[in-house]
Amino acid sequence: MNKTIEDLVVKLSHDPHNPELNFACAVEYERLNQTASAVSFYLRCAEYGYESHKLLTYNSLLRMARCFEDQTDRQYTVSNCILQAMTVLPERPEAYFMLSQFHEKSQAWQECYTYAELGLTKHVGISIYTPDQISQEILDSSVIKVIQLPLNLLSRKTFPTRMMSGLLENGYQIGRAHV
């Protein structure tokens, strides 16, 4: 048995309901291409982390879908895992993209397009180049979720730390445009 997995199993024996340990164990099994074991631990992570670790639950469900994808005759299981992930964190775009890819493989073009479009419209954002471009009107908008800032290693332009912290605290995602 892999030393990393042995260590994780020992830790899990002391804390079997820990979603983070279950996820780590699942990742190791998946890395070794032991998808049945990986799915088992991803499922445990999703079950034990549903209330406290939403992102881990979301990722577990998507990774379960990937594990089932390689098996034949599991298309309903794959789509159900992805749909479950959507219910956990509907604002995240990855599940929509995966479901779009899933429908593309079966040439279900309308479903492919619909889920791609839904995923793309989850995060509407703006690009700004100086701090004074962020107006109160933008901050009060319920549509804008992402603010993209420039990053140039040669430039000395910076954005105030307090401003960045305030944006993050208010639920904005900050992206960096590489200039």
Foldseek 3Di string as FASTA:
>chain_A
DDPVLVVLVVVCVVVVLDLVSLQVNLVVCVVVVVLVSSLVSLVSSLVSCLVPPLVSNLVSLQVNLVSCVVPPPCLVSNLVSLVVSCVSPVLALPSLQVQLVSCVVVPVNVSNVVSNVSSVQSADAEEDEAPVVDDVVNVPDPRHAEYEYEDEPVDPGDDDPVVVVVSVVSRHHYHYDYD
